[in-house]
PDB file of all heavy atoms in Angstrom:
ATOM      1  N   SER A   1      49.438  82.750 100.709  1.00  0.00           N
ATOM      2  CA  SER A   1      49.519  81.430 100.078  1.00  0.00           C
ATOM      3  C   SER A   1      48.647  81.313  98.834  1.00  0.00           C
ATOM      4  O   SER A   1      48.424  80.205  98.347  1.00  0.00           O
ATOM      5  CB  SER A   1      49.106  80.348 101.078  1.00  0.00           C
ATOM      6  OG  SER A   1      47.789  80.583 101.561  1.00  0.00           O
ATOM      7  N   ASN A   2      48.138  82.427  98.328  1.00  0.00           N
ATOM      8  CA  ASN A   2      47.277  82.441  97.148  1.00  0.00           C
ATOM      9  C   ASN A   2      46.075  81.510  97.323  1.00  0.00           C
ATOM     10  O   ASN A   2      45.647  80.830  96.401  1.00  0.00           O
ATOM     11  CB  ASN A   2      48.068  82.043  95.889  1.00  0.00           C
ATOM     12  CG  ASN A   2      47.340  82.431  94.609  1.00  0.00           C
ATOM     13  OD1 ASN A   2      46.570  83.390  94.598  1.00  0.00           O
ATOM     14  ND2 ASN A   2      47.590  81.694  93.541  1.00  0.00           N
ATOM     15  N   ASN A   3      45.534  81.513  98.546  1.00  0.00           N
ATOM     16  CA  ASN A   3      44.381  80.670  98.844  1.00  0.00           C
ATOM     17  C   ASN A   3      43.333  81.453  99.627  1.00  0.00           C
ATOM     18  O   ASN A   3      42.649  80.920 100.488  1.00  0.00           O
ATOM     19  CB  ASN A   3      44.809  79.422  99.644  1.00  0.00           C
ATOM     20  CG  ASN A   3      43.708  78.380  99.711  1.00  0.00           C
ATOM     21  OD1 ASN A   3      42.934  78.214  98.773  1.00  0.00           O
ATOM     22  ND2 ASN A   3      43.649  77.661 100.816  1.00  0.00           N
ATOM     23  N   GLY A   4      43.227  82.730  99.318  1.00  0.00           N
ATOM     24  CA  GLY A   4      42.222  83.551  99.975  1.00  0.00           C
ATOM     25  C   GLY A   4      40.871  83.436  99.300  1.00  0.00           C
ATOM     26  O   GLY A   4      40.658  82.606  98.416  1.00  0.00           O
ATOM     27  N   VAL A   5      39.955  84.251  99.759  1.00  0.00           N
ATOM     28  CA  VAL A   5      38.611  84.292  99.184  1.00  0.00           C
ATOM     29  C   VAL A   5      38.396  85.703  98.633  1.00  0.00           C
ATOM     30  O   VAL A   5      38.460  86.683  99.381  1.00  0.00           O
ATOM     31  CB  VAL A   5      37.533  83.964 100.238  1.00  0.00           C
ATOM     32  CG1 VAL A   5      36.138  84.097  99.642  1.00  0.00           C
ATOM     33  CG2 VAL A   5      37.744  82.559 100.784  1.00  0.00           C
ATOM     34  N   GLU A   6      38.157  85.784  97.334  1.00  0.00           N
ATOM     35  CA  GLU A   6      37.984  87.083  96.684  1.00  0.00           C
ATOM     36  C   GLU A   6      36.864  87.876  97.352  1.00  0.00           C
ATOM     37  O   GLU A   6      35.929  87.313  97.901  1.00  0.00           O
ATOM     38  CB  GLU A   6      37.662  86.895  95.204  1.00  0.00           C
ATOM     39  CG  GLU A   6      38.721  86.131  94.414  1.00  0.00           C
ATOM     40  CD  GLU A   6      38.529  84.626  94.450  1.00  0.00           C
ATOM     41  OE1 GLU A   6      37.767  84.122  95.334  1.00  0.00           O
ATOM     42  OE2 GLU A   6      39.139  83.934  93.611  1.00  0.00           O
ATOM     43  N   VAL A   7      36.978  89.185  97.280  1.00  0.00           N
ATOM     44  CA  VAL A   7      36.036  90.053  97.983  1.00  0.00           C
ATOM     45  C   VAL A   7      34.596  89.790  97.563  1.00  0.00           C
ATOM     46  O   VAL A   7      33.698  89.688  98.412  1.00  0.00           O
ATOM     47  CB  VAL A   7      36.401  91.539  97.767  1.00  0.00           C
ATOM     48  CG1 VAL A   7      35.313  92.452  98.312  1.00  0.00           C
ATOM     49  CG2 VAL A   7      37.733  91.862  98.428  1.00  0.00           C
ATOM     50  N   ASP A   8      34.337  89.653  96.280  1.00  0.00           N
ATOM     51  CA  ASP A   8      32.957  89.433  95.836  1.00  0.00           C
ATOM     52  C   ASP A   8      32.440  88.075  96.275  1.00  0.00           C
ATOM     53  O   ASP A   8      31.262  87.924  96.620  1.00  0.00           O
ATOM     54  CB  ASP A   8      32.823  89.619  94.320  1.00  0.00           C
ATOM     55  CG  ASP A   8      33.723  88.704  93.520  1.00  0.00           C
ATOM     56  OD1 ASP A   8      34.648  88.091  94.088  1.00  0.00           O
ATOM     57  OD2 ASP A   8      33.506  88.592  92.287  1.00  0.00           O
ATOM     58  N   ARG A   9      33.333  87.071  96.296  1.00  0.00           N
ATOM     59  CA  ARG A   9      32.902  85.741  96.754  1.00  0.00           C
ATOM     60  C   ARG A   9      32.717  85.736  98.268  1.00  0.00           C
ATOM     61  O   ARG A   9      31.836  85.032  98.792  1.00  0.00           O
ATOM     62  CB  ARG A   9      33.916  84.681  96.325  1.00  0.00           C
ATOM     63  CG  ARG A   9      33.425  83.244  96.521  1.00  0.00           C
ATOM     64  CD  ARG A   9      34.165  82.275  95.619  1.00  0.00           C
ATOM     65  NE  ARG A   9      35.578  82.193  95.948  1.00  0.00           N
ATOM     66  CZ  ARG A   9      36.141  81.176  96.629  1.00  0.00           C
ATOM     67  NH1 ARG A   9      35.393  80.169  97.039  1.00  0.00           N
ATOM     68  NH2 ARG A   9      37.418  81.162  96.881  1.00  0.00           N
ATOM     69  N   TYR A  10      33.528  86.487  98.977  1.00  0.00           N
ATOM     70  CA  TYR A  10      33.348  86.657 100.422  1.00  0.00           C
ATOM     71  C   TYR A  10      31.951  87.203 100.713  1.00  0.00           C
ATOM     72  O   TYR A  10      31.221  86.679 101.575  1.00  0.00           O
ATOM     73  CB  TYR A  10      34.424  87.609 100.940  1.00  0.00           C
ATOM     74  CG  TYR A  10      34.287  88.071 102.370  1.00  0.00           C
ATOM     75  CD1 TYR A  10      34.708  87.275 103.426  1.00  0.00           C
ATOM     76  CD2 TYR A  10      33.773  89.337 102.661  1.00  0.00           C
ATOM     77  CE1 TYR A  10      34.616  87.719 104.740  1.00  0.00           C
ATOM     78  CE2 TYR A  10      33.686  89.791 103.969  1.00  0.00           C
ATOM     79  CZ  TYR A  10      34.101  88.978 105.002  1.00  0.00           C
ATOM     80  OH  TYR A  10      34.005  89.429 106.305  1.00  0.00           O
ATOM     81  N   ALA A  11      31.550  88.221  99.976  1.00  0.00           N
ATOM     82  CA  ALA A  11      30.227  88.811 100.157  1.00  0.00           C
ATOM     83  C   ALA A  11      29.128  87.802  99.843  1.00  0.00           C
ATOM     84  O   ALA A  11      28.129  87.698 100.566  1.00  0.00           O
ATOM     85  CB  ALA A  11      30.077  90.045  99.271  1.00  0.00           C
ATOM     86  N   GLN A  12      29.306  87.046  98.771  1.00  0.00           N
ATOM     87  CA  GLN A  12      28.295  86.081  98.345  1.00  0.00           C
ATOM     88  C   GLN A  12      28.130  84.969  99.370  1.00  0.00           C
ATOM     89  O   GLN A  12      26.999  84.625  99.763  1.00  0.00           O
ATOM     90  CB  GLN A  12      28.681  85.488  96.995  1.00  0.00           C
ATOM     91  CG  GLN A  12      27.703  84.462  96.470  1.00  0.00           C
ATOM     92  CD  GLN A  12      28.168  83.835  95.160  1.00  0.00           C
ATOM     93  OE1 GLN A  12      29.355  83.872  94.830  1.00  0.00           O
ATOM     94  NE2 GLN A  12      27.252  83.273  94.407  1.00  0.00           N
ATOM     95  N   VAL A  13      29.238  84.399  99.823  1.00  0.00           N
ATOM     96  CA  VAL A  13      29.166  83.274 100.762  1.00  0.00           C
ATOM     97  C   VAL A  13      28.672  83.732 102.125  1.00  0.00           C
ATOM     98  O   VAL A  13      27.860  83.051 102.771  1.00  0.00           O
ATOM     99  CB  VAL A  13      30.540  82.581 100.880  1.00  0.00           C
ATOM    100  CG1 VAL A  13      30.495  81.480 101.937  1.00  0.00           C
ATOM    101  CG2 VAL A  13      30.957  81.992  99.532  1.00  0.00           C
ATOM    102  N   TYR A  14      29.120  84.897 102.565  1.00  0.00           N
ATOM    103  CA  TYR A  14      28.667  85.430 103.849  1.00  0.00           C
ATOM    104  C   TYR A  14      27.155  85.661 103.818  1.00  0.00           C
ATOM    105  O   TYR A  14      26.429  85.322 104.760  1.00  0.00           O
ATOM    106  CB  TYR A  14      29.397  86.741 104.142  1.00  0.00           C
ATOM    107  CG  TYR A  14      29.557  87.101 105.604  1.00  0.00           C
ATOM    108  CD1 TYR A  14      30.646  87.855 106.038  1.00  0.00           C
ATOM    109  CD2 TYR A  14      28.620  86.719 106.564  1.00  0.00           C
ATOM    110  CE1 TYR A  14      30.802  88.212 107.371  1.00  0.00           C
ATOM    111  CE2 TYR A  14      28.767  87.066 107.898  1.00  0.00           C
ATOM    112  CZ  TYR A  14      29.862  87.817 108.292  1.00  0.00           C
ATOM    113  OH  TYR A  14      30.016  88.163 109.619  1.00  0.00           O
ATOM    114  N   ARG A  15      26.651  86.211 102.714  1.00  0.00           N
ATOM    115  CA  ARG A  15      25.213  86.427 102.588  1.00  0.00           C
ATOM    116  C   ARG A  15      24.460  85.095 102.581  1.00  0.00           C
ATOM    117  O   ARG A  15      23.397  84.968 103.223  1.00  0.00           O
ATOM    118  CB  ARG A  15      24.908  87.220 101.314  1.00  0.00           C
ATOM    119  CG  ARG A  15      23.431  87.549 101.129  1.00  0.00           C
ATOM    120  CD  ARG A  15      23.201  88.469  99.943  1.00  0.00           C
ATOM    121  NE  ARG A  15      23.715  89.817 100.204  1.00  0.00           N
ATOM    122  CZ  ARG A  15      23.048  90.746 100.843  1.00  0.00           C
ATOM    123  NH1 ARG A  15      21.825  90.503 101.307  1.00  0.00           N
ATOM    124  NH2 ARG A  15      23.586  91.947 101.034  1.00  0.00           N
ATOM    125  N   MET A  16      24.997  84.106 101.893  1.00  0.00           N
ATOM    126  CA  MET A  16      24.372  82.780 101.888  1.00  0.00           C
ATOM    127  C   MET A  16      24.307  82.205 103.301  1.00  0.00           C
ATOM    128  O   MET A  16      23.291  81.611 103.697  1.00  0.00           O
ATOM    129  CB  MET A  16      25.156  81.842 100.972  1.00  0.00           C
ATOM    130  CG  MET A  16      25.015  82.126  99.494  1.00  0.00           C
ATOM    131  SD  MET A  16      26.205  81.165  98.498  1.00  0.00           S
ATOM    132  CE  MET A  16      25.806  79.486  99.009  1.00  0.00           C
ATOM    133  N   LEU A  17      25.373  82.382 104.067  1.00  0.00           N
ATOM    134  CA  LEU A  17      25.409  81.878 105.437  1.00  0.00           C
ATOM    135  C   LEU A  17      24.327  82.544 106.286  1.00  0.00           C
ATOM    136  O   LEU A  17      23.629  81.877 107.060  1.00  0.00           O
ATOM    137  CB  LEU A  17      26.801  82.128 106.013  1.00  0.00           C
ATOM    138  CG  LEU A  17      27.095  81.616 107.423  1.00  0.00           C
ATOM    139  CD1 LEU A  17      28.571  81.222 107.548  1.00  0.00           C
ATOM    140  CD2 LEU A  17      26.778  82.673 108.470  1.00  0.00           C
ATOM    141  N   LEU A  18      24.160  83.835 106.119  1.00  0.00           N
ATOM    142  CA  LEU A  18      23.150  84.553 106.899  1.00  0.00           C
ATOM    143  C   LEU A  18      21.739  84.196 106.447  1.00  0.00           C
ATOM    144  O   LEU A  18      20.823  84.085 107.278  1.00  0.00           O
ATOM    145  CB  LEU A  18      23.392  86.055 106.799  1.00  0.00           C
ATOM    146  CG  LEU A  18      24.720  86.544 107.392  1.00  0.00           C
ATOM    147  CD1 LEU A  18      24.909  88.027 107.124  1.00  0.00           C
ATOM    148  CD2 LEU A  18      24.807  86.257 108.888  1.00  0.00           C
ATOM    149  N   GLU A  19      21.539  84.021 105.156  1.00  0.00           N
ATOM    150  CA  GLU A  19      20.233  83.589 104.653  1.00  0.00           C
ATOM    151  C   GLU A  19      19.874  82.220 105.203  1.00  0.00           C
ATOM    152  O   GLU A  19      18.720  81.964 105.592  1.00  0.00           O
ATOM    153  CB  GLU A  19      20.247  83.576 103.129  1.00  0.00           C
ATOM    154  CG  GLU A  19      20.299  84.956 102.495  1.00  0.00           C
ATOM    155  CD  GLU A  19      20.489  84.921 100.993  1.00  0.00           C
ATOM    156  OE1 GLU A  19      20.884  83.852 100.460  1.00  0.00           O
ATOM    157  OE2 GLU A  19      20.255  85.956 100.346  1.00  0.00           O
ATOM    158  N   TYR A  20      20.841  81.331 105.212  1.00  0.00           N
ATOM    159  CA  TYR A  20      20.657  79.990 105.766  1.00  0.00           C
ATOM    160  C   TYR A  20      20.277  80.080 107.240  1.00  0.00           C
ATOM    161  O   TYR A  20      19.352  79.389 107.715  1.00  0.00           O
ATOM    162  CB  TYR A  20      21.967  79.217 105.570  1.00  0.00           C
ATOM    163  CG  TYR A  20      22.016  77.806 106.080  1.00  0.00           C
ATOM    164  CD1 TYR A  20      20.889  76.993 106.136  1.00  0.00           C
ATOM    165  CD2 TYR A  20      23.238  77.248 106.479  1.00  0.00           C
ATOM    166  CE1 TYR A  20      20.965  75.690 106.578  1.00  0.00           C
ATOM    167  CE2 TYR A  20      23.321  75.951 106.922  1.00  0.00           C
ATOM    168  CZ  TYR A  20      22.183  75.175 106.980  1.00  0.00           C
ATOM    169  OH  TYR A  20      22.276  73.882 107.420  1.00  0.00           O
ATOM    170  N   THR A  21      20.952  80.954 107.969  1.00  0.00           N
ATOM    171  CA  THR A  21      20.674  81.115 109.388  1.00  0.00           C
ATOM    172  C   THR A  21      19.275  81.658 109.618  1.00  0.00           C
ATOM    173  O   THR A  21      18.537  81.173 110.483  1.00  0.00           O
ATOM    174  CB  THR A  21      21.715  82.053 110.023  1.00  0.00           C
ATOM    175  OG1 THR A  21      23.030  81.567 109.752  1.00  0.00           O
ATOM    176  CG2 THR A  21      21.515  82.143 111.527  1.00  0.00           C
ATOM    177  N   ARG A  22      18.890  82.662 108.860  1.00  0.00           N
ATOM    178  CA  ARG A  22      17.555  83.234 109.004  1.00  0.00           C
ATOM    179  C   ARG A  22      16.466  82.206 108.692  1.00  0.00           C
ATOM    180  O   ARG A  22      15.407  82.197 109.320  1.00  0.00           O
ATOM    181  CB  ARG A  22      17.407  84.444 108.083  1.00  0.00           C
ATOM    182  CG  ARG A  22      17.979  85.733 108.663  1.00  0.00           C
ATOM    183  CD  ARG A  22      17.054  86.302 109.713  1.00  0.00           C
ATOM    184  NE  ARG A  22      17.591  87.520 110.312  1.00  0.00           N
ATOM    185  CZ  ARG A  22      18.036  87.609 111.549  1.00  0.00           C
ATOM    186  NH1 ARG A  22      18.035  86.528 112.321  1.00  0.00           N
ATOM    187  NH2 ARG A  22      18.476  88.743 112.040  1.00  0.00           N
ATOM    188  N   LYS A  23      16.725  81.337 107.717  1.00  0.00           N
ATOM    189  CA  LYS A  23      15.751  80.305 107.368  1.00  0.00           C
ATOM    190  C   LYS A  23      15.599  79.284 108.489  1.00  0.00           C
ATOM    191  O   LYS A  23      14.480  78.896 108.850  1.00  0.00           O
ATOM    192  CB  LYS A  23      16.172  79.605 106.081  1.00  0.00           C
ATOM    193  CG  LYS A  23      15.249  78.459 105.673  1.00  0.00           C
ATOM    194  CD  LYS A  23      15.753  77.754 104.425  1.00  0.00           C
ATOM    195  CE  LYS A  23      14.866  76.555 104.074  1.00  0.00           C
ATOM    196  NZ  LYS A  23      15.380  75.818 102.898  1.00  0.00           N
ATOM    197  N   GLU A  24      16.718  78.838 109.045  1.00  0.00           N
ATOM    198  CA  GLU A  24      16.702  77.786 110.061  1.00  0.00           C
ATOM    199  C   GLU A  24      16.433  78.321 111.464  1.00  0.00           C
ATOM    200  O   GLU A  24      15.829  77.634 112.290  1.00  0.00           O
ATOM    201  CB  GLU A  24      18.047  77.048 110.055  1.00  0.00           C
ATOM    202  CG  GLU A  24      18.362  76.326 108.752  1.00  0.00           C
ATOM    203  CD  GLU A  24      17.440  75.147 108.510  1.00  0.00           C
ATOM    204  OE1 GLU A  24      17.056  74.480 109.503  1.00  0.00           O
ATOM    205  OE2 GLU A  24      17.094  74.887 107.340  1.00  0.00           O
ATOM    206  N   LEU A  25      16.896  79.549 111.732  1.00  0.00           N
ATOM    207  CA  LEU A  25      16.767  80.140 113.072  1.00  0.00           C
ATOM    208  C   LEU A  25      16.229  81.567 112.935  1.00  0.00           C
ATOM    209  O   LEU A  25      16.938  82.535 113.175  1.00  0.00           O
ATOM    210  CB  LEU A  25      18.133  80.161 113.772  1.00  0.00           C
ATOM    211  CG  LEU A  25      18.862  78.827 113.928  1.00  0.00           C
ATOM    212  CD1 LEU A  25      20.286  79.060 114.427  1.00  0.00           C
ATOM    213  CD2 LEU A  25      18.111  77.893 114.871  1.00  0.00           C
ATOM    214  N   PRO A  26      14.982  81.718 112.557  1.00  0.00           N
ATOM    215  CA  PRO A  26      14.457  83.055 112.234  1.00  0.00           C
ATOM    216  C   PRO A  26      14.464  84.037 113.400  1.00  0.00           C
ATOM    217  O   PRO A  26      14.492  85.251 113.179  1.00  0.00           O
ATOM    218  CB  PRO A  26      13.035  82.765 111.756  1.00  0.00           C
ATOM    219  CG  PRO A  26      12.694  81.421 112.311  1.00  0.00           C
ATOM    220  CD  PRO A  26      13.978  80.657 112.346  1.00  0.00           C
ATOM    221  N   SER A  27      14.437  83.562 114.620  1.00  0.00           N
ATOM    222  CA  SER A  27      14.382  84.474 115.758  1.00  0.00           C
ATOM    223  C   SER A  27      15.742  84.692 116.422  1.00  0.00           C
ATOM    224  O   SER A  27      15.836  85.446 117.401  1.00  0.00           O
ATOM    225  CB  SER A  27      13.385  83.949 116.805  1.00  0.00           C
ATOM    226  OG  SER A  27      13.793  82.683 117.296  1.00  0.00           O
ATOM    227  N   THR A  28      16.775  84.069 115.904  1.00  0.00           N
ATOM    228  CA  THR A  28      18.107  84.220 116.501  1.00  0.00           C
ATOM    229  C   THR A  28      18.660  85.615 116.232  1.00  0.00           C
ATOM    230  O   THR A  28      18.618  86.107 115.103  1.00  0.00           O
ATOM    231  CB  THR A  28      19.067  83.155 115.943  1.00  0.00           C
ATOM    232  OG1 THR A  28      18.657  81.872 116.415  1.00  0.00           O
ATOM    233  CG2 THR A  28      20.506  83.417 116.393  1.00  0.00           C
ATOM    234  N   HIS A  29      19.185  86.236 117.258  1.00  0.00           N
ATOM    235  CA  HIS A  29      19.773  87.570 117.148  1.00  0.00           C
ATOM    236  C   HIS A  29      21.181  87.441 116.564  1.00  0.00           C
ATOM    237  O   HIS A  29      21.996  86.652 117.058  1.00  0.00           O
ATOM    238  CB  HIS A  29      19.826  88.233 118.525  1.00  0.00           C
ATOM    239  CG  HIS A  29      20.248  89.661 118.479  1.00  0.00           C
ATOM    240  ND1 HIS A  29      19.367  90.692 118.223  1.00  0.00           N
ATOM    241  CD2 HIS A  29      21.459  90.246 118.648  1.00  0.00           C
ATOM    242  CE1 HIS A  29      20.009  91.832 118.250  1.00  0.00           C
ATOM    243  NE2 HIS A  29      21.283  91.598 118.490  1.00  0.00           N
ATOM    244  N   LEU A  30      21.478  88.227 115.540  1.00  0.00           N
ATOM    245  CA  LEU A  30      22.769  88.162 114.865  1.00  0.00           C
ATOM    246  C   LEU A  30      23.636  89.353 115.252  1.00  0.00           C
ATOM    247  O   LEU A  30      23.157  90.491 115.334  1.00  0.00           O
ATOM    248  CB  LEU A  30      22.587  88.145 113.353  1.00  0.00           C
ATOM    249  CG  LEU A  30      21.837  86.936 112.775  1.00  0.00           C
ATOM    250  CD1 LEU A  30      21.618  87.129 111.275  1.00  0.00           C
ATOM    251  CD2 LEU A  30      22.596  85.646 113.051  1.00  0.00           C
ATOM    252  N   VAL A  31      24.916  89.072 115.462  1.00  0.00           N
ATOM    253  CA  VAL A  31      25.916  90.099 115.744  1.00  0.00           C
ATOM    254  C   VAL A  31      27.048  89.910 114.741  1.00  0.00           C
ATOM    255  O   VAL A  31      27.701  88.860 114.733  1.00  0.00           O
ATOM    256  CB  VAL A  31      26.466  89.993 117.177  1.00  0.00           C
ATOM    257  CG1 VAL A  31      27.525  91.064 117.425  1.00  0.00           C
ATOM    258  CG2 VAL A  31      25.346  90.070 118.197  1.00  0.00           C
ATOM    259  N   LEU A  32      27.253  90.888 113.873  1.00  0.00           N
ATOM    260  CA  LEU A  32      28.324  90.804 112.874  1.00  0.00           C
ATOM    261  C   LEU A  32      29.452  91.738 113.292  1.00  0.00           C
ATOM    262  O   LEU A  32      29.239  92.950 113.453  1.00  0.00           O
ATOM    263  CB  LEU A  32      27.810  91.178 111.486  1.00  0.00           C
ATOM    264  CG  LEU A  32      26.602  90.395 110.973  1.00  0.00           C
ATOM    265  CD1 LEU A  32      26.364  90.717 109.493  1.00  0.00           C
ATOM    266  CD2 LEU A  32      26.776  88.894 111.179  1.00  0.00           C
ATOM    267  N   CYS A  33      30.631  91.176 113.459  1.00  0.00           N
ATOM    268  CA  CYS A  33      31.781  91.928 113.937  1.00  0.00           C
ATOM    269  C   CYS A  33      32.677  92.334 112.771  1.00  0.00           C
ATOM    270  O   CYS A  33      32.937  91.532 111.864  1.00  0.00           O
ATOM    271  CB  CYS A  33      32.580  91.097 114.934  1.00  0.00           C
ATOM    272  SG  CYS A  33      31.646  90.599 116.396  1.00  0.00           S
ATOM    273  N   GLU A  34      33.138  93.554 112.813  1.00  0.00           N
ATOM    274  CA  GLU A  34      33.989  94.101 111.767  1.00  0.00           C
ATOM    275  C   GLU A  34      35.374  93.454 111.808  1.00  0.00           C
ATOM    276  O   GLU A  34      36.049  93.518 112.834  1.00  0.00           O
ATOM    277  CB  GLU A  34      34.112  95.609 111.971  1.00  0.00           C
ATOM    278  CG  GLU A  34      34.887  96.335 110.900  1.00  0.00           C
ATOM    279  CD  GLU A  34      34.925  97.834 111.158  1.00  0.00           C
ATOM    280  OE1 GLU A  34      34.956  98.246 112.338  1.00  0.00           O
ATOM    281  OE2 GLU A  34      34.907  98.593 110.172  1.00  0.00           O
TER     282      GLU A  34
END
C-alpha cells in the first residue's frame, strides 16, 4: 500500500524506542526477536 517504513527510518525509530525504554526502565530485560 506504499505505506511502509523505510529501512533507515525503521532503524532510527526502533533505536529511539529502545533508548526511551532504557531511560524509563533501566533494569528491564530486553528481548529483540528477528
